[in-house]
C-alpha cells in the first residue's frame, strides 16, 4: 500500500475515534449517527496505516441505517435494524462485513450509549452482507452470520475442491475450497503447524480461479485428533483482501470451519474452536427459521483506547 499523504489525515483534524479489537483483529471506530462524516478511501487508509496513522485492519463507521441507501433497503424488511455497520478495509476499499468487527461494533455502540443491551439480549444491525443479529453474552458477543454457501457449488460437490492456491513457503499449489459468508473466502488445509508457520502471508496468495470480487485466503491445520470434547479444533492463519495478514478473521474462521467440516464428512461436529494468532473464537452450525443452516460466531470484543485526530 502506498503511504497516504499527510493531507488526508489533516483533513480529519478534530475527528473523535475509538480503537478496538476482536481476538487481535483491530479497528478504528467512528460514531456518525446522522451520516454527515464523509471519510474518503485515502483518509481511511491514512487512519489505518500502521506507521503514519492510528493503525488498524479496518475502519468501522456507526451510522443510522436511514442515512445510507444500503441501510434504507434493509429497513424495509427489518425496521428494527436502526444501526448500520459501514465497514472499510485498511486500504480504504469497501467490504461487505467483518465477523470480528461486528462484535466490536456492537460493543462500541454500547460504550457510546447509542444502544442498550443486557446479557442475553439481542440487537439487529444492518451490514452490506445483510441483516445480522448479535446476542450479548457474559464474556462477549455471539453473531448469527447467516447461511453459508459454496462459491463454486458444482465443483465443490464433484471434487470437494474448486481452486488451487500458491503462497510463499509452500512448494507446490494446494487444493482449496471457496466459501461465501456474505464475503468471499478460499480455504486451504495444511499438514501441520510447522507448515502453517512457514507460509508467507506478507503478499497476497495466488488463487486460481479467483472469485469475482477477490477473496480472503485461510490456511488451516486440523488438530490431531480433530474432535475433542464434542467440538472440532483447528488452527488458522489468514490473508485478508485489502489488508494483508491479520491476527484474526471472524468470517474466515466460519469459512474454515465450513470447509474442514465438509472435508471431514458425515459425523463431523457442529461445534468448532478456531485458534487464530489473536486468540480463539467459537463457530457453531445451527438450523434456522429460513430452512437453511446458519453459522454462529462468538468471541470477545475489546475497546483499548479513545482519541482525537490531531
Protein backbone atom coordinates (compact mmCIF):
# COMPACT_ATOMS: atom_id res chain seq x y z
CA UNK A 1 0.00 0.00 0.00
CA UNK A 2 1.36 3.44 -0.88
CA UNK A 3 2.00 5.79 2.01
CA UNK A 4 -1.06 8.05 2.42
CA UNK A 5 -0.34 11.75 2.11
CA UNK A 6 -0.36 13.72 5.40
CA UNK A 7 -3.11 15.92 3.93
CA UNK A 8 -5.55 13.04 4.19
CA UNK A 9 -5.10 12.95 7.95
CA UNK A 10 -5.06 16.72 8.40
CA UNK A 11 -8.46 16.87 6.66
CA UNK A 12 -9.83 14.79 9.57
CA UNK A 13 -8.45 17.06 12.29
CA UNK A 14 -10.68 17.00 15.38
CA UNK A 15 -12.38 13.70 14.47
CA UNK A 16 -13.09 11.58 17.57
CA UNK A 17 -12.40 7.85 17.36
CA UNK A 18 -12.05 4.69 19.39
CA UNK A 19 -9.68 1.76 18.81
CA UNK A 20 -10.91 -1.78 19.42
CA UNK A 21 -10.24 -5.38 18.53
CA UNK A 22 -11.76 -8.85 18.44
CA UNK A 23 -9.08 -11.53 19.03
CA UNK A 24 -6.45 -9.14 17.66
CA UNK A 25 -8.37 -8.12 14.54
CA UNK A 26 -8.30 -4.35 15.15
CA UNK A 27 -10.39 -1.41 14.01
CA UNK A 28 -10.74 2.35 14.15
CA UNK A 29 -14.34 3.16 15.12
CA UNK A 30 -16.16 6.39 14.31
CA UNK A 31 -19.59 7.42 15.63
CA UNK A 32 -21.54 9.20 12.88
CA UNK A 33 -25.24 8.73 13.78
CA UNK A 34 -26.53 11.24 11.22
CA UNK A 35 -24.25 10.18 8.37
CA UNK A 36 -22.50 13.54 7.96
CA UNK A 37 -18.85 12.42 8.08
CA UNK A 38 -17.76 11.53 4.56
CA UNK A 39 -14.44 9.73 5.05
CA UNK A 40 -12.80 9.15 1.67
CA UNK A 41 -10.83 5.95 0.91
CA UNK A 42 -7.49 7.77 1.11
CA UNK A 43 -8.40 9.08 4.57
CA UNK A 44 -9.38 5.58 5.71
CA UNK A 45 -6.02 4.27 4.51
CA UNK A 46 -4.24 7.12 6.31
CA UNK A 47 -6.04 6.43 9.60
CA UNK A 48 -5.37 2.68 9.36
CA UNK A 49 -1.71 2.99 8.37
CA UNK A 50 0.45 1.11 10.91
CA UNK A 51 3.26 3.69 10.95
CA UNK A 52 1.79 7.00 9.79
CA UNK A 53 -1.71 6.73 11.26
CA UNK A 54 -3.57 5.12 14.16
CA UNK A 55 -3.04 1.62 12.80
CA UNK A 56 -5.82 -0.90 12.18
CA UNK A 57 -7.05 -3.66 9.88
CA UNK A 58 -10.09 -1.57 9.00
CA UNK A 59 -12.41 1.31 9.84
CA UNK A 60 -15.99 0.98 11.10
CA UNK A 61 -18.41 3.90 10.94
CA UNK A 62 -21.53 3.67 13.11
CA UNK A 63 -24.34 5.34 11.19
CA UNK A 64 -28.11 5.04 11.39
CA UNK A 65 -29.38 2.82 8.59
CA UNK A 66 -31.78 5.51 7.39
CA UNK A 67 -28.83 7.64 6.24
CA UNK A 68 -27.38 5.10 3.80
CA UNK A 69 -29.00 3.69 0.64
CA UNK A 70 -27.98 0.13 1.67
CA UNK A 71 -29.41 0.73 5.13
CA UNK A 72 -32.72 2.07 3.89
CA UNK A 73 -33.14 -1.01 1.72
CA UNK A 74 -32.64 -3.28 4.74
CA UNK A 75 -35.02 -1.25 6.91
CA UNK A 76 -37.88 -2.16 4.59
CA UNK A 77 -37.60 -5.78 5.73
CA UNK A 78 -36.16 -5.24 9.22
CA UNK A 79 -37.24 -1.87 10.70
CA UNK A 80 -35.53 -2.80 13.98
CA UNK A 81 -32.09 -2.54 12.29
CA UNK A 82 -31.57 1.07 13.35
CA UNK A 83 -27.78 0.94 13.10
CA UNK A 84 -25.61 0.15 10.08
CA UNK A 85 -22.02 -1.09 10.21
CA UNK A 86 -20.24 0.86 7.44
CA UNK A 87 -17.03 -1.16 7.14
CA UNK A 88 -13.90 -0.34 5.13
CA UNK A 89 -10.74 -2.42 4.72
CA UNK A 90 -7.44 -0.92 5.79
CA UNK A 91 -6.69 0.19 2.23
CA UNK A 92 -9.95 2.17 2.10
CA UNK A 93 -11.90 -0.29 -0.05
CA UNK A 94 -15.49 -1.10 0.88
CA UNK A 95 -16.16 -4.55 2.37
CA UNK A 96 -19.39 -6.43 2.98
CA UNK A 97 -18.83 -7.01 6.70
CA UNK A 98 -16.41 -8.47 9.25
CA UNK A 99 -17.23 -11.13 11.83
CA UNK A 100 -14.82 -9.83 14.45
CA UNK A 101 -15.65 -6.26 13.56
CA UNK A 102 -19.39 -6.71 14.08
CA UNK A 103 -18.79 -7.74 17.71
CA UNK A 104 -16.55 -4.73 18.27
CA UNK A 105 -19.13 -2.54 16.51
CA UNK A 106 -21.90 -3.55 18.93
CA UNK A 107 -19.56 -3.12 21.91
CA UNK A 108 -18.76 0.38 20.61
CA UNK A 109 -22.47 1.24 20.27
CA UNK A 110 -22.94 0.20 23.90
CA UNK A 111 -19.94 2.18 25.11
CA UNK A 112 -21.14 5.25 23.22
CA UNK A 113 -24.55 4.98 24.86
CA UNK A 114 -26.22 4.63 21.47
CA UNK A 115 -27.92 1.34 22.38
CA UNK A 116 -28.78 -0.66 25.49
CA UNK A 117 -28.18 -4.40 25.53
CA UNK A 118 -28.26 -6.57 28.65
CA UNK A 119 -26.55 -10.00 28.74
CA UNK A 120 -28.77 -12.47 26.91
CA UNK A 121 -30.47 -9.79 24.81
CA UNK A 122 -30.02 -9.42 21.04
CA UNK A 123 -29.52 -6.48 18.70
CA UNK A 124 -30.28 -6.38 14.96
CA UNK A 125 -27.95 -4.33 12.77
CA UNK A 126 -27.50 -3.72 9.06
CA UNK A 127 -24.39 -4.61 7.04
CA UNK A 128 -23.58 -4.85 3.35
CA UNK A 129 -23.91 -8.62 3.81
CA UNK A 130 -27.48 -8.16 5.07
CA UNK A 131 -29.11 -8.15 8.49
CA UNK A 132 -27.10 -9.57 11.41
CA UNK A 133 -28.39 -10.44 14.87
CA UNK A 134 -25.92 -10.17 17.75
CA UNK A 135 -26.52 -11.64 21.21
CA UNK A 136 -24.65 -10.29 24.22
CA UNK A 137 -23.19 -12.99 26.47
CA UNK A 138 -21.36 -12.96 29.77
CA UNK A 139 -17.94 -12.92 28.08
CA UNK A 140 -18.55 -11.36 24.68
CA UNK A 141 -20.96 -11.50 21.76
CA UNK A 142 -22.44 -14.19 19.53
CA UNK A 143 -23.37 -13.28 15.97
CA UNK A 144 -25.73 -15.11 13.63
CA UNK A 145 -23.62 -14.80 10.50
CA UNK A 146 -26.42 -16.14 8.32
CA UNK A 147 -26.22 -19.05 5.88
CA UNK A 148 -23.02 -20.26 4.27
CA UNK A 149 -22.70 -21.36 0.66
CA UNK A 150 -20.08 -22.60 -1.75
CA UNK A 151 -18.95 -20.04 -4.31
CA UNK A 152 -18.45 -22.79 -6.95
CA UNK A 153 -21.05 -25.34 -5.81
CA UNK A 154 -20.79 -27.74 -8.76
CA UNK A 155 -17.03 -28.12 -8.38
CA UNK A 156 -17.31 -28.45 -4.60
CA UNK A 157 -19.87 -31.25 -4.95
CA UNK A 158 -17.92 -33.07 -7.64
CA UNK A 159 -14.37 -32.84 -6.30
CA UNK A 160 -14.55 -31.32 -2.77
CA UNK A 161 -12.27 -28.57 -4.10
CA UNK A 162 -12.68 -25.83 -6.68
CA UNK A 163 -9.38 -23.98 -6.99
CA UNK A 164 -5.67 -24.01 -6.21
CA UNK A 165 -3.68 -21.62 -4.04
CA UNK A 166 0.02 -20.74 -4.26
CA UNK A 167 1.87 -18.91 -1.50
CA UNK A 168 5.44 -18.31 -0.41
CA UNK A 169 6.73 -21.09 1.80
CA UNK A 170 4.61 -23.75 0.06
CA UNK A 171 6.50 -25.78 -2.53
CA UNK A 172 3.50 -26.56 -4.76
CA UNK A 173 0.00 -25.12 -5.27
CA UNK A 174 -2.57 -26.55 -2.86
CA UNK A 175 -6.19 -27.54 -3.49
CA UNK A 176 -8.76 -25.22 -1.93
CA UNK A 177 -12.47 -24.74 -1.36
CA UNK A 178 -14.23 -21.39 -1.81
CA UNK A 179 -16.92 -20.42 0.72
CA UNK A 180 -19.14 -17.35 0.92
CA UNK A 181 -20.08 -15.97 4.33
CA UNK A 182 -21.56 -12.89 2.69
CA UNK A 183 -17.97 -12.15 1.69
CA UNK A 184 -15.63 -14.50 -0.23
CA UNK A 185 -13.13 -16.94 1.27
CA UNK A 186 -10.80 -19.60 -0.08
CA UNK A 187 -9.75 -22.29 2.40
CA UNK A 188 -6.59 -24.42 2.19
CA UNK A 189 -5.83 -27.36 4.52
CA UNK A 190 -2.18 -27.83 5.53
CA UNK A 191 -0.49 -30.88 7.04
CA UNK A 192 0.86 -29.41 10.26
CA UNK A 193 1.61 -26.38 12.38
CA UNK A 194 5.20 -26.12 11.11
CA UNK A 195 3.92 -25.76 7.56
CA UNK A 196 1.35 -23.20 8.76
CA UNK A 197 4.07 -21.15 10.46
CA UNK A 198 6.30 -21.29 7.35
CA UNK A 199 3.60 -20.00 4.97
CA UNK A 200 4.41 -16.44 3.88
CA UNK A 201 1.42 -14.10 4.02
CA UNK A 202 3.03 -10.67 3.60
CA UNK A 203 2.00 -10.92 -0.06
CA UNK A 204 -1.40 -12.00 -1.34
CA UNK A 205 -1.60 -15.72 -2.18
CA UNK A 206 -2.36 -16.53 -5.82
CA UNK A 207 -5.80 -18.15 -6.23
CA UNK A 208 -6.86 -19.88 -9.46
CA UNK A 209 -9.66 -19.30 -10.29
CA UNK A 210 -10.21 -16.30 -8.04
CA UNK A 211 -13.82 -15.44 -7.08
CA UNK A 212 -15.32 -12.47 -8.91
CA UNK A 213 -14.87 -9.99 -6.04
CA UNK A 214 -11.47 -11.27 -4.95
CA UNK A 215 -11.07 -13.43 -1.88
CA UNK A 216 -9.68 -13.80 1.62
CA UNK A 217 -7.44 -16.85 1.96
CA UNK A 218 -7.40 -19.09 5.05
CA UNK A 219 -4.66 -21.65 5.72
CA UNK A 220 -5.92 -24.22 8.21
CA UNK A 221 -4.47 -27.12 10.20
CA UNK A 222 -6.89 -29.64 11.73
CA UNK A 223 -5.99 -30.76 15.24
CA UNK A 224 -4.99 -34.36 15.96
CA UNK A 225 -7.42 -35.69 17.00
CA UNK A 226 -9.78 -33.40 15.13
CA UNK A 227 -12.61 -33.77 17.65
CA UNK A 228 -12.22 -33.42 21.42
CA UNK A 229 -15.00 -32.99 24.00
CA UNK A 230 -17.58 -32.93 21.20
CA UNK A 231 -16.02 -29.99 19.32
CA UNK A 232 -13.78 -29.77 16.29
CA UNK A 233 -10.46 -27.97 16.75
CA UNK A 234 -8.47 -26.19 14.03
CA UNK A 235 -5.70 -23.59 13.80
CA UNK A 236 -5.76 -20.86 11.16
CA UNK A 237 -3.84 -18.00 9.59
CA UNK A 238 -5.45 -15.63 7.11
CA UNK A 239 -4.58 -13.14 4.40
CA UNK A 240 -7.45 -10.64 4.08
CA UNK A 241 -8.03 -8.88 0.76
CA UNK A 242 -7.23 -5.19 1.02
CA UNK A 243 -5.40 -5.67 4.34
CA UNK A 244 -2.79 -8.45 4.40
CA UNK A 245 -2.29 -10.95 7.19
CA UNK A 246 -4.43 -10.21 10.25
CA UNK A 247 -4.43 -11.65 13.76
CA UNK A 248 -7.95 -12.96 13.26
CA UNK A 249 -10.83 -13.00 10.77
CA UNK A 250 -14.31 -13.86 12.00
CA UNK A 251 -15.91 -14.66 8.66
CA UNK A 252 -12.70 -16.51 7.77
CA UNK A 253 -12.98 -18.66 10.90
CA UNK A 254 -16.54 -19.53 9.86
CA UNK A 255 -15.44 -20.38 6.32
CA UNK A 256 -12.56 -22.50 7.63
CA UNK A 257 -14.95 -24.47 9.84
CA UNK A 258 -17.32 -24.93 6.88
CA UNK A 259 -14.54 -26.37 4.70
CA UNK A 260 -12.93 -28.64 7.30
CA UNK A 261 -16.33 -29.94 8.39
CA UNK A 262 -17.21 -30.66 4.76
CA UNK A 263 -13.93 -32.47 4.17
CA UNK A 264 -14.32 -34.45 7.43
CA UNK A 265 -17.56 -35.93 6.13
CA UNK A 266 -20.58 -37.43 7.81
CA UNK A 267 -20.49 -37.28 11.59
CA UNK A 268 -18.34 -34.13 11.78
CA UNK A 269 -19.40 -31.92 14.71
CA UNK A 270 -21.46 -28.75 14.54
CA UNK A 271 -19.35 -27.02 17.22
CA UNK A 272 -15.83 -25.75 16.42
CA UNK A 273 -13.00 -23.99 18.23
CA UNK A 274 -10.86 -21.98 15.82
CA UNK A 275 -7.43 -20.89 17.04
CA UNK A 276 -6.01 -17.76 15.40
CA UNK A 277 -2.87 -15.77 16.26
CA UNK A 278 -5.00 -13.35 18.33
CA UNK A 279 -6.90 -15.95 20.38
CA UNK A 280 -9.80 -18.36 19.91
CA UNK A 281 -13.30 -17.96 18.50
CA UNK A 282 -16.19 -20.41 18.54
CA UNK A 283 -18.14 -21.38 15.43
CA UNK A 284 -21.44 -23.28 15.58
CA UNK A 285 -23.76 -24.57 12.87
CA UNK A 286 -27.44 -24.11 13.64
CA UNK A 287 -30.74 -24.75 11.84
CA UNK A 288 -32.62 -21.51 11.16
CA UNK A 289 -36.22 -20.50 10.56
CA UNK A 290 -35.48 -19.85 6.88
CA UNK A 291 -34.79 -23.57 6.41
CA UNK A 292 -31.07 -23.06 5.80
CA UNK A 293 -28.12 -23.87 8.03
CA UNK A 294 -26.73 -20.74 9.69
CA UNK A 295 -23.32 -20.15 11.22
CA UNK A 296 -22.92 -18.53 14.64
CA UNK A 297 -19.63 -16.85 15.57
CA UNK A 298 -18.85 -15.96 19.18
CA UNK A 299 -15.90 -14.35 20.92
CA UNK A 300 -14.70 -11.30 22.84
CA UNK A 301 -14.71 -7.62 21.88
CA UNK A 302 -12.45 -5.02 23.49
CA UNK A 303 -12.08 -1.24 23.25
CA UNK A 304 -8.49 -0.29 24.05
CA UNK A 305 -8.30 3.49 23.55
CA UNK A 306 -10.01 6.71 22.51
CA UNK A 307 -8.65 9.84 20.96
CA UNK A 308 -8.99 12.73 18.54
CA UNK A 309 -7.18 13.13 15.26
CA UNK A 310 -4.68 15.96 15.71
